[in-house]
Amino acid sequence: MGLARVPGSGLPAYLVDQPAFYDRPGNPYAGPDGHDWPDNHRRFGLFGWIAAELARGADPGWSPDILHVHDWHAGLTPAYLAARSPLAGHVPTVFTVHNLAYQGLFPPAVFPELGLPPGFFSIDGVEFNGLVSFIKAGLFYADRLTTVSPTYAREIQTADFGCGLEGLLRTRADALTGILNGVDPHVWDPRHDPVLPRSYGPEDVASGKPLAKAALQRRLGLDDRPDAPLFGVVSRLTSQKGLDLLLACLPEIVADGSRLAILGSGDSDLEHGFSVAAAAHNGEVAVEIGYDEALSHLIIAGADIVLVPSRFEPCGLTQLYALRYGTLPLVRRVGGLADTVVAATAVSLADGSADGFAFDDDSPPALIAAARRASSLFRERAIWLRMIRRAMSRDFSWTAAAHRYLAVYRELQPGLVPA
């Protein structure tokens, strides 16, 4: 283990140095062939064990007041603390779940390699349907639980979204808090985005945003149609993101006079389906498979509407970027999408709170109906401009989220963090 500094901040960071576990090709989770490393239980178990050892005073010059870990990769950390730390002097733990669908499941044969007491492999421990579950370890043993939106915190206590862990989460409901993610206002800011042909803010969005739309159309070879709604997608192309619904709706969206700009990669069937659609609708549908940071910014700025039709979405960042750029999100009303987008209705349009569009049913007809509502309002230019300015006034910076996390920390260690 070594001590380093976080670039740009000077904050100390402990690095786990075990070349046999981590010095490999591929990414931190899988090899070049895309398959998970077969010893991931040891690799991430070591990571959690060292975090627990730091909390127990492995560095005589420093120890934490609170240990905050995230997702299955660090899920064993609270279990190691529970196994080895006496109750007196226990360092409180917070476990954050970003996506409950990723659980860190391993066969029971690996349990003896993890260094936990035998009794921890039980229903009141890390066992889940006969497997070792890293995420269940965090959910069971941590003192407080958080996830990345209030609605998702409620959803994961139900069978539809709980991935089999809803019963445990209901028993821990008093310890569970949903805190919305934030966005970096320096990276995602239309006033200072070098990708845009001209910067803009709420006061000059009516003149600045059309330039971004024109640049996006040129970049993707779309017909120059400032009067036609342009839907944008920046996403993984997966059914979780609801992109199969969009593919089913695509012919109708185009027939209604709208266009599509899509950037993403993922399931081969969806990649192929969207590529075929782009070839069939030249000038009306543009698809780029892969990821391009500059193009993602240009789509977020240049599209009129950003589509996020997810089947489930713990928080979602795309709709937050879109709101900041005055691009109205069209979302399925789940998770953080429900918490961040105020759908256009008679009431929200009258009181000025509307900043997007939403649908409920997991079906192509529900999506196409919402797309048609958006296209209809797009042609009401005064209303559309009010919605854009409302969207750009929303504050989803990390400041609000930080205050919520500090409140959780104070509950665990009263007086530790100044108000």
Protein backbone atom coordinates (compact mmCIF):
# COMPACT_ATOMS: atom_id res chain seq x y z
CA MET A 1 0.00 0.00 0.00
CA GLY A 2 1.33 3.43 -0.91
CA LEU A 3 0.35 7.03 -0.25
CA ALA A 4 -0.18 9.44 -3.14
CA ARG A 5 -2.03 12.68 -3.85
CA VAL A 6 -5.25 13.16 -5.80
CA PRO A 7 -4.29 15.19 -8.89
CA GLY A 8 -5.37 18.80 -8.70
CA SER A 9 -6.43 18.71 -5.06
CA GLY A 10 -3.53 17.68 -2.87
CA LEU A 11 -5.77 15.26 -0.95
CA PRO A 12 -3.95 12.14 0.25
CA ALA A 13 -4.91 8.85 -1.42
CA TYR A 14 -3.87 5.36 -0.40
CA LEU A 15 -3.13 3.07 -3.33
CA VAL A 16 -3.29 -0.71 -3.11
CA ASP A 17 -0.09 -1.99 -4.71
CA GLN A 18 -0.38 -5.69 -5.51
CA PRO A 19 0.90 -6.22 -9.07
CA ALA A 20 -0.12 -9.88 -9.16
CA PHE A 21 -3.74 -8.77 -8.75
CA TYR A 22 -3.89 -5.46 -10.60
CA ASP A 23 -1.06 -5.14 -13.13
CA ARG A 24 -2.97 -6.67 -16.07
CA PRO A 25 -4.20 -5.76 -19.53
CA GLY A 26 -7.84 -4.91 -20.08
CA ASN A 27 -9.84 -2.87 -17.61
CA PRO A 28 -10.06 -3.15 -13.80
CA TYR A 29 -12.87 -5.71 -14.04
CA ALA A 30 -12.29 -7.81 -17.15
CA GLY A 31 -9.58 -9.02 -19.48
CA PRO A 32 -9.06 -8.10 -23.13
CA ASP A 33 -11.57 -10.81 -24.08
CA GLY A 34 -14.30 -8.98 -22.16
CA HIS A 35 -14.75 -11.74 -19.58
CA ASP A 36 -14.46 -11.03 -15.86
CA TRP A 37 -11.17 -12.02 -14.27
CA PRO A 38 -11.74 -15.37 -12.52
CA ASP A 39 -10.07 -14.12 -9.33
CA ASN A 40 -12.15 -10.93 -9.00
CA HIS A 41 -13.32 -12.14 -5.61
CA ARG A 42 -9.73 -12.00 -4.36
CA ARG A 43 -8.88 -8.77 -6.17
CA PHE A 44 -11.83 -6.82 -4.79
CA GLY A 45 -11.78 -8.72 -1.51
CA LEU A 46 -8.24 -7.43 -0.96
CA PHE A 47 -9.40 -3.92 -1.80
CA GLY A 48 -12.14 -4.11 0.85
CA TRP A 49 -9.85 -5.73 3.40
CA ILE A 50 -7.27 -2.95 3.10
CA ALA A 51 -9.98 -0.28 3.44
CA ALA A 52 -11.11 -2.00 6.64
CA GLU A 53 -7.53 -2.25 7.92
CA LEU A 54 -7.05 1.49 7.36
CA ALA A 55 -10.20 2.12 9.36
CA ARG A 56 -8.78 -0.05 12.13
CA GLY A 57 -5.56 1.98 12.30
CA ALA A 58 -3.15 0.33 9.84
CA ASP A 59 -1.56 3.76 9.38
CA PRO A 60 -0.49 4.91 12.86
CA GLY A 61 -0.49 8.51 11.64
CA TRP A 62 -4.10 8.61 10.47
CA SER A 63 -7.46 6.90 10.79
CA PRO A 64 -10.87 7.86 9.37
CA ASP A 65 -13.85 9.12 11.34
CA ILE A 66 -16.24 7.59 8.78
CA LEU A 67 -15.64 4.99 6.10
CA HIS A 68 -17.70 5.55 2.94
CA VAL A 69 -17.55 2.84 0.27
CA HIS A 70 -19.37 2.31 -3.01
CA ASP A 71 -20.93 -0.61 -4.88
CA TRP A 72 -20.13 -4.31 -4.82
CA HIS A 73 -16.43 -3.75 -5.49
CA ALA A 74 -15.99 -2.43 -1.93
CA GLY A 75 -18.97 -4.27 -0.44
CA LEU A 76 -16.92 -6.59 1.80
CA THR A 77 -15.39 -3.63 3.66
CA PRO A 78 -18.19 -3.29 6.26
CA ALA A 79 -18.18 -7.07 6.70
CA TYR A 80 -14.46 -7.10 7.48
CA LEU A 81 -14.98 -4.32 10.02
CA ALA A 82 -17.90 -6.15 11.60
CA ALA A 83 -15.77 -9.31 11.86
CA ARG A 84 -12.68 -7.72 13.36
CA SER A 85 -13.53 -4.47 15.12
CA PRO A 86 -14.80 -4.35 18.69
CA LEU A 87 -18.02 -2.37 19.04
CA ALA A 88 -16.26 0.27 21.10
CA GLY A 89 -14.17 2.35 18.71
CA HIS A 90 -16.10 1.08 15.70
CA VAL A 91 -15.66 3.34 12.67
CA PRO A 92 -19.14 4.06 11.23
CA THR A 93 -19.64 2.96 7.64
CA VAL A 94 -21.71 4.30 4.75
CA PHE A 95 -22.40 2.12 1.72
CA THR A 96 -23.61 3.72 -1.51
CA VAL A 97 -25.30 1.74 -4.27
CA HIS A 98 -25.17 3.28 -7.73
CA ASN A 99 -26.87 0.38 -9.53
CA LEU A 100 -28.28 -2.58 -7.63
CA ALA A 101 -28.22 -4.76 -10.74
CA TYR A 102 -24.44 -5.15 -10.43
CA GLN A 103 -24.03 -7.37 -7.38
CA GLY A 104 -20.62 -9.02 -7.33
CA LEU A 105 -21.85 -12.64 -7.18
CA PHE A 106 -19.40 -15.54 -6.77
CA PRO A 107 -19.73 -19.29 -6.18
CA PRO A 108 -19.77 -20.45 -2.54
CA ALA A 109 -16.47 -22.28 -3.01
CA VAL A 110 -14.63 -18.93 -2.91
CA PHE A 111 -15.88 -17.99 0.56
CA PRO A 112 -12.97 -19.58 2.49
CA GLU A 113 -10.56 -17.43 0.45
CA LEU A 114 -12.10 -14.19 1.73
CA GLY A 115 -10.93 -14.45 5.32
CA LEU A 116 -14.33 -13.94 6.94
CA PRO A 117 -15.66 -16.01 9.87
CA PRO A 118 -17.61 -19.11 8.74
CA GLY A 119 -20.84 -17.75 10.23
CA PHE A 120 -20.79 -14.82 7.81
CA PHE A 121 -21.84 -17.15 4.99
CA SER A 122 -25.50 -17.17 5.99
CA ILE A 123 -28.74 -15.42 5.22
CA ASP A 124 -27.74 -12.90 7.90
CA GLY A 125 -24.49 -12.20 6.13
CA VAL A 126 -22.99 -12.42 2.65
CA GLU A 127 -24.95 -15.43 1.37
CA PHE A 128 -27.51 -14.75 -1.38
CA ASN A 129 -29.35 -17.59 -3.10
CA GLY A 130 -26.45 -19.91 -2.30
CA LEU A 131 -23.82 -17.50 -3.70
CA VAL A 132 -21.40 -15.04 -2.13
CA SER A 133 -22.78 -11.54 -2.71
CA PHE A 134 -20.42 -8.62 -2.24
CA ILE A 135 -23.21 -6.08 -2.56
CA LYS A 136 -25.31 -7.86 0.06
CA ALA A 137 -22.34 -7.66 2.43
CA GLY A 138 -22.38 -3.89 2.15
CA LEU A 139 -26.16 -3.67 2.45
CA PHE A 140 -26.24 -5.92 5.51
CA TYR A 141 -23.23 -4.74 7.52
CA ALA A 142 -22.93 -0.98 6.79
CA ASP A 143 -24.33 1.45 9.35
CA ARG A 144 -25.98 3.69 6.76
CA LEU A 145 -27.01 3.08 3.15
CA THR A 146 -27.40 5.60 0.37
CA THR A 147 -28.32 5.45 -3.26
CA VAL A 148 -28.29 8.04 -6.00
CA SER A 149 -31.86 9.35 -6.06
CA PRO A 150 -34.82 9.42 -3.67
CA THR A 151 -37.13 7.56 -6.07
CA TYR A 152 -34.58 4.80 -6.67
CA ALA A 153 -34.24 4.39 -2.89
CA ARG A 154 -37.96 3.63 -2.78
CA GLU A 155 -37.98 1.52 -5.95
CA ILE A 156 -35.29 -0.90 -4.78
CA GLN A 157 -37.51 -1.88 -1.87
CA THR A 158 -39.95 -3.40 -4.39
CA ALA A 159 -39.85 -6.66 -6.34
CA ASP A 160 -39.75 -4.82 -9.68
CA PHE A 161 -36.47 -3.05 -8.94
CA GLY A 162 -34.97 -4.82 -5.91
CA CYS A 163 -33.07 -7.54 -7.82
CA GLY A 164 -34.00 -10.05 -5.12
CA LEU A 165 -32.67 -7.85 -2.29
CA GLU A 166 -35.88 -5.90 -1.70
CA GLY A 167 -36.66 -7.79 1.51
CA LEU A 168 -33.33 -6.88 3.08
CA LEU A 169 -33.68 -3.30 1.90
CA ARG A 170 -37.13 -3.00 3.42
CA THR A 171 -35.75 -4.15 6.78
CA ARG A 172 -33.08 -1.43 6.46
CA ALA A 173 -35.40 1.30 5.21
CA ASP A 174 -34.65 3.53 8.22
CA ALA A 175 -30.95 3.45 7.34
CA LEU A 176 -31.47 4.12 3.61
CA THR A 177 -31.30 7.60 2.04
CA GLY A 178 -31.60 8.62 -1.60
CA ILE A 179 -29.29 11.50 -2.55
CA LEU A 180 -29.28 12.79 -6.12
CA ASN A 181 -26.01 12.75 -8.02
CA GLY A 182 -24.60 16.05 -9.18
CA VAL A 183 -22.79 17.21 -12.30
CA ASP A 184 -19.50 19.04 -12.62
CA PRO A 185 -20.46 22.61 -13.57
CA HIS A 186 -17.02 23.26 -15.01
CA VAL A 187 -17.12 20.35 -17.47
CA TRP A 188 -20.78 20.74 -18.47
CA ASP A 189 -21.38 24.45 -18.94
CA PRO A 190 -22.71 25.99 -22.17
CA ARG A 191 -21.21 29.33 -21.17
CA HIS A 192 -17.68 27.90 -21.33
CA ASP A 193 -17.83 24.80 -23.53
CA PRO A 194 -15.05 24.87 -26.17
CA VAL A 195 -16.93 22.32 -28.33
CA LEU A 196 -19.76 24.74 -29.08
CA PRO A 197 -19.60 27.15 -32.01
CA ARG A 198 -20.71 29.89 -29.61
CA SER A 199 -21.20 29.86 -25.86
CA TYR A 200 -24.62 30.75 -24.47
CA GLY A 201 -26.59 31.07 -21.26
CA PRO A 202 -30.29 31.47 -20.43
CA GLU A 203 -30.25 35.08 -21.55
CA ASP A 204 -29.01 34.37 -25.10
CA VAL A 205 -30.01 30.72 -25.58
CA ALA A 206 -32.45 31.72 -28.34
CA SER A 207 -29.53 32.84 -30.52
CA GLY A 208 -26.75 30.55 -29.26
CA LYS A 209 -28.47 27.18 -29.25
CA PRO A 210 -29.52 27.22 -32.94
CA LEU A 211 -25.84 27.57 -33.85
CA ALA A 212 -25.09 24.38 -31.92
CA LYS A 213 -27.95 22.64 -33.71
CA ALA A 214 -26.63 23.74 -37.11
CA ALA A 215 -23.12 22.54 -36.21
CA LEU A 216 -24.48 19.17 -35.06
CA GLN A 217 -26.44 18.74 -38.30
CA ARG A 218 -23.33 19.46 -40.36
CA ARG A 219 -21.18 17.15 -38.22
CA LEU A 220 -23.57 14.22 -38.66
CA GLY A 221 -24.75 14.89 -42.21
CA LEU A 222 -28.33 15.60 -41.21
CA ASP A 223 -30.55 17.79 -43.34
CA ASP A 224 -30.47 21.44 -42.27
CA ARG A 225 -33.94 21.73 -40.73
CA PRO A 226 -33.99 24.34 -37.93
CA ASP A 227 -37.81 24.13 -37.90
CA ALA A 228 -37.91 20.36 -37.28
CA PRO A 229 -37.41 18.84 -33.82
CA LEU A 230 -34.11 17.03 -33.42
CA PHE A 231 -34.02 14.22 -30.84
CA GLY A 232 -30.63 13.28 -29.41
CA VAL A 233 -29.35 10.15 -27.69
CA VAL A 234 -26.03 9.72 -25.85
CA SER A 235 -26.18 6.34 -24.18
CA ARG A 236 -25.18 2.75 -23.88
CA LEU A 237 -27.28 0.90 -26.44
CA THR A 238 -28.97 -1.60 -24.13
CA SER A 239 -32.49 -2.66 -23.23
CA GLN A 240 -31.91 -1.30 -19.70
CA LYS A 241 -31.66 2.13 -21.30
CA GLY A 242 -34.90 1.48 -23.23
CA LEU A 243 -33.19 1.87 -26.60
CA ASP A 244 -35.09 -1.10 -28.04
CA LEU A 245 -38.26 0.95 -27.45
CA LEU A 246 -36.74 3.80 -29.43
CA LEU A 247 -35.72 1.51 -32.28
CA ALA A 248 -39.30 0.25 -32.50
CA CYS A 249 -40.60 3.85 -32.58
CA LEU A 250 -38.01 5.22 -34.99
CA PRO A 251 -40.04 4.96 -38.22
CA GLU A 252 -42.95 6.83 -36.66
CA ILE A 253 -40.71 9.56 -35.21
CA VAL A 254 -39.22 10.15 -38.65
CA ALA A 255 -42.62 10.02 -40.34
CA ASP A 256 -43.81 12.73 -37.94
CA GLY A 257 -41.12 15.05 -39.31
CA SER A 258 -38.55 14.73 -36.52
CA ARG A 259 -34.93 13.65 -36.79
CA LEU A 260 -32.57 11.60 -34.63
CA ALA A 261 -28.89 11.91 -33.67
CA ILE A 262 -27.55 8.88 -31.79
CA LEU A 263 -24.16 8.27 -30.18
CA GLY A 264 -23.46 5.07 -28.29
CA SER A 265 -22.42 1.44 -28.26
CA GLY A 266 -23.60 -1.72 -26.60
CA ASP A 267 -25.76 -4.64 -27.67
CA SER A 268 -24.80 -5.78 -31.16
CA ASP A 269 -28.46 -6.16 -32.23
CA LEU A 270 -29.20 -2.56 -31.29
CA GLU A 271 -26.01 -1.28 -32.90
CA HIS A 272 -26.98 -3.06 -36.10
CA GLY A 273 -30.62 -1.97 -35.93
CA PHE A 274 -29.79 1.72 -35.53
CA SER A 275 -27.12 1.56 -38.24
CA VAL A 276 -29.63 0.04 -40.66
CA ALA A 277 -32.16 2.74 -39.73
CA ALA A 278 -29.61 5.47 -40.41
CA ALA A 279 -28.89 4.02 -43.85
CA ALA A 280 -32.60 3.83 -44.61
CA HIS A 281 -33.27 7.40 -43.45
CA ASN A 282 -30.28 9.28 -44.82
CA GLY A 283 -30.34 12.92 -43.70
CA GLU A 284 -33.01 12.20 -41.08
CA VAL A 285 -31.27 9.71 -38.77
CA ALA A 286 -27.56 9.78 -37.90
CA VAL A 287 -25.84 7.11 -35.82
CA GLU A 288 -22.25 6.93 -34.57
CA ILE A 289 -21.28 3.69 -32.83
CA GLY A 290 -18.73 4.23 -30.08
CA TYR A 291 -18.03 7.18 -27.83
CA ASP A 292 -16.74 10.63 -28.69
CA GLU A 293 -16.56 13.15 -25.85
CA ALA A 294 -16.72 16.21 -28.11
CA LEU A 295 -19.66 14.81 -30.08
CA SER A 296 -21.50 14.00 -26.86
CA HIS A 297 -21.27 17.67 -25.85
CA LEU A 298 -22.44 18.78 -29.27
CA ILE A 299 -25.45 16.44 -29.19
CA ILE A 300 -26.40 17.60 -25.70
CA ALA A 301 -26.23 21.23 -26.86
CA GLY A 302 -27.49 20.88 -30.44
CA ALA A 303 -30.46 18.56 -29.98
CA ASP A 304 -33.84 20.03 -29.08
CA ILE A 305 -34.87 17.00 -27.00
CA VAL A 306 -32.71 14.34 -25.35
CA LEU A 307 -34.23 10.86 -25.08
CA VAL A 308 -33.67 8.82 -21.90
CA PRO A 309 -36.36 6.08 -22.04
CA SER A 310 -34.72 3.82 -19.43
CA ARG A 311 -36.45 0.78 -17.97
CA PHE A 312 -34.70 1.62 -14.71
CA GLU A 313 -32.36 4.49 -13.94
CA PRO A 314 -30.82 4.90 -10.47
CA CYS A 315 -30.07 8.55 -11.18
CA GLY A 316 -29.00 9.32 -14.73
CA LEU A 317 -26.65 12.11 -15.73
CA THR A 318 -27.63 12.64 -19.35
CA GLN A 319 -30.86 14.43 -18.43
CA LEU A 320 -28.93 16.65 -15.99
CA TYR A 321 -26.46 17.66 -18.70
CA ALA A 322 -29.36 18.30 -21.07
CA LEU A 323 -31.20 20.55 -18.63
CA ARG A 324 -28.06 22.59 -18.11
CA TYR A 325 -27.74 23.13 -21.88
CA GLY A 326 -31.41 23.97 -22.41
CA THR A 327 -32.14 20.69 -24.18
CA LEU A 328 -35.41 19.31 -22.87
CA PRO A 329 -35.28 15.69 -21.64
CA LEU A 330 -37.87 13.10 -22.60
CA VAL A 331 -37.65 10.36 -19.96
CA ARG A 332 -39.41 7.36 -18.57
CA ARG A 333 -40.70 8.26 -15.11
CA VAL A 334 -38.39 6.02 -13.05
CA GLY A 335 -35.58 6.54 -10.54
CA GLY A 336 -33.63 9.75 -10.79
CA LEU A 337 -35.37 10.63 -14.04
CA ALA A 338 -38.62 11.04 -12.08
CA ASP A 339 -36.82 13.18 -9.49
CA THR A 340 -35.15 15.59 -11.91
CA VAL A 341 -37.51 16.22 -14.84
CA VAL A 342 -40.77 18.17 -14.46
CA ALA A 343 -42.98 16.84 -17.23
CA ALA A 344 -45.02 19.26 -19.31
CA THR A 345 -48.66 19.15 -18.23
CA ALA A 346 -51.40 21.78 -18.18
CA VAL A 347 -50.48 22.58 -14.57
CA SER A 348 -46.70 22.70 -14.97
CA LEU A 349 -46.94 24.73 -18.16
CA ALA A 350 -49.24 27.21 -16.42
CA ASP A 351 -47.02 27.65 -13.36
CA GLY A 352 -43.79 27.69 -15.38
CA SER A 353 -42.19 24.62 -13.78
CA ALA A 354 -42.19 22.36 -16.87
CA ASP A 355 -38.75 21.49 -18.25
CA GLY A 356 -39.23 18.19 -20.09
CA PHE A 357 -41.48 15.28 -20.95
CA ALA A 358 -42.20 11.89 -19.34
CA PHE A 359 -44.03 8.63 -19.92
CA ASP A 360 -44.80 5.69 -17.67
CA ASP A 361 -45.53 2.48 -19.58
CA ASP A 362 -42.63 0.32 -20.74
CA SER A 363 -43.91 0.28 -24.32
CA PRO A 364 -43.27 1.81 -27.75
CA PRO A 365 -46.77 3.42 -27.88
CA ALA A 366 -46.09 5.28 -24.62
CA LEU A 367 -42.75 6.54 -25.93
CA ILE A 368 -44.14 7.66 -29.29
CA ALA A 369 -47.02 9.47 -27.57
CA ALA A 370 -44.52 11.41 -25.43
CA ALA A 371 -42.38 12.18 -28.49
CA ARG A 372 -45.43 13.59 -30.24
CA ARG A 373 -46.27 15.79 -27.25
CA ALA A 374 -42.71 17.13 -27.35
CA SER A 375 -42.83 17.71 -31.11
CA SER A 376 -46.14 19.57 -30.80
CA LEU A 377 -44.83 21.89 -28.09
CA PHE A 378 -41.60 22.46 -30.03
CA ARG A 379 -43.66 24.38 -32.55
CA GLU A 380 -45.04 26.66 -29.81
CA ARG A 381 -41.92 28.77 -29.74
CA ALA A 382 -42.77 31.08 -26.82
CA ILE A 383 -43.71 28.13 -24.60
CA TRP A 384 -40.63 26.19 -25.72
CA LEU A 385 -38.30 29.07 -24.88
CA ARG A 386 -39.83 29.41 -21.41
CA MET A 387 -39.25 25.70 -20.83
CA ILE A 388 -35.64 26.00 -22.00
CA ARG A 389 -34.94 28.88 -19.63
CA ARG A 390 -36.60 27.02 -16.78
CA ALA A 391 -34.43 23.97 -17.50
CA MET A 392 -31.26 26.05 -17.47
CA SER A 393 -32.19 27.57 -14.11
CA ARG A 394 -32.15 24.20 -12.32
CA ASP A 395 -29.24 23.57 -9.94
CA PHE A 396 -27.87 20.02 -10.00
CA SER A 397 -24.34 20.87 -8.92
CA TRP A 398 -22.56 18.78 -6.30
CA THR A 399 -23.11 21.46 -3.64
CA ALA A 400 -26.62 20.27 -2.80
CA ALA A 401 -25.56 16.60 -2.80
CA ALA A 402 -22.59 17.38 -0.55
CA HIS A 403 -24.87 18.93 2.07
CA ARG A 404 -27.04 15.80 2.05
CA TYR A 405 -24.02 13.55 2.53
CA LEU A 406 -22.78 15.76 5.37
CA ALA A 407 -26.16 15.33 7.06
CA VAL A 408 -25.72 11.53 6.90
CA TYR A 409 -22.21 11.82 8.33
CA ARG A 410 -23.42 14.01 11.22
CA GLU A 411 -26.03 11.41 12.13
CA LEU A 412 -23.21 8.87 12.49
CA GLN A 413 -20.73 11.21 14.17
CA PRO A 414 -22.60 14.16 15.73
CA GLY A 415 -20.47 17.28 15.85
CA LEU A 416 -17.82 15.80 13.62
CA VAL A 417 -18.50 18.02 10.60
CA PRO A 418 -19.28 21.71 11.19
CA ALA A 419 -22.73 22.77 9.98
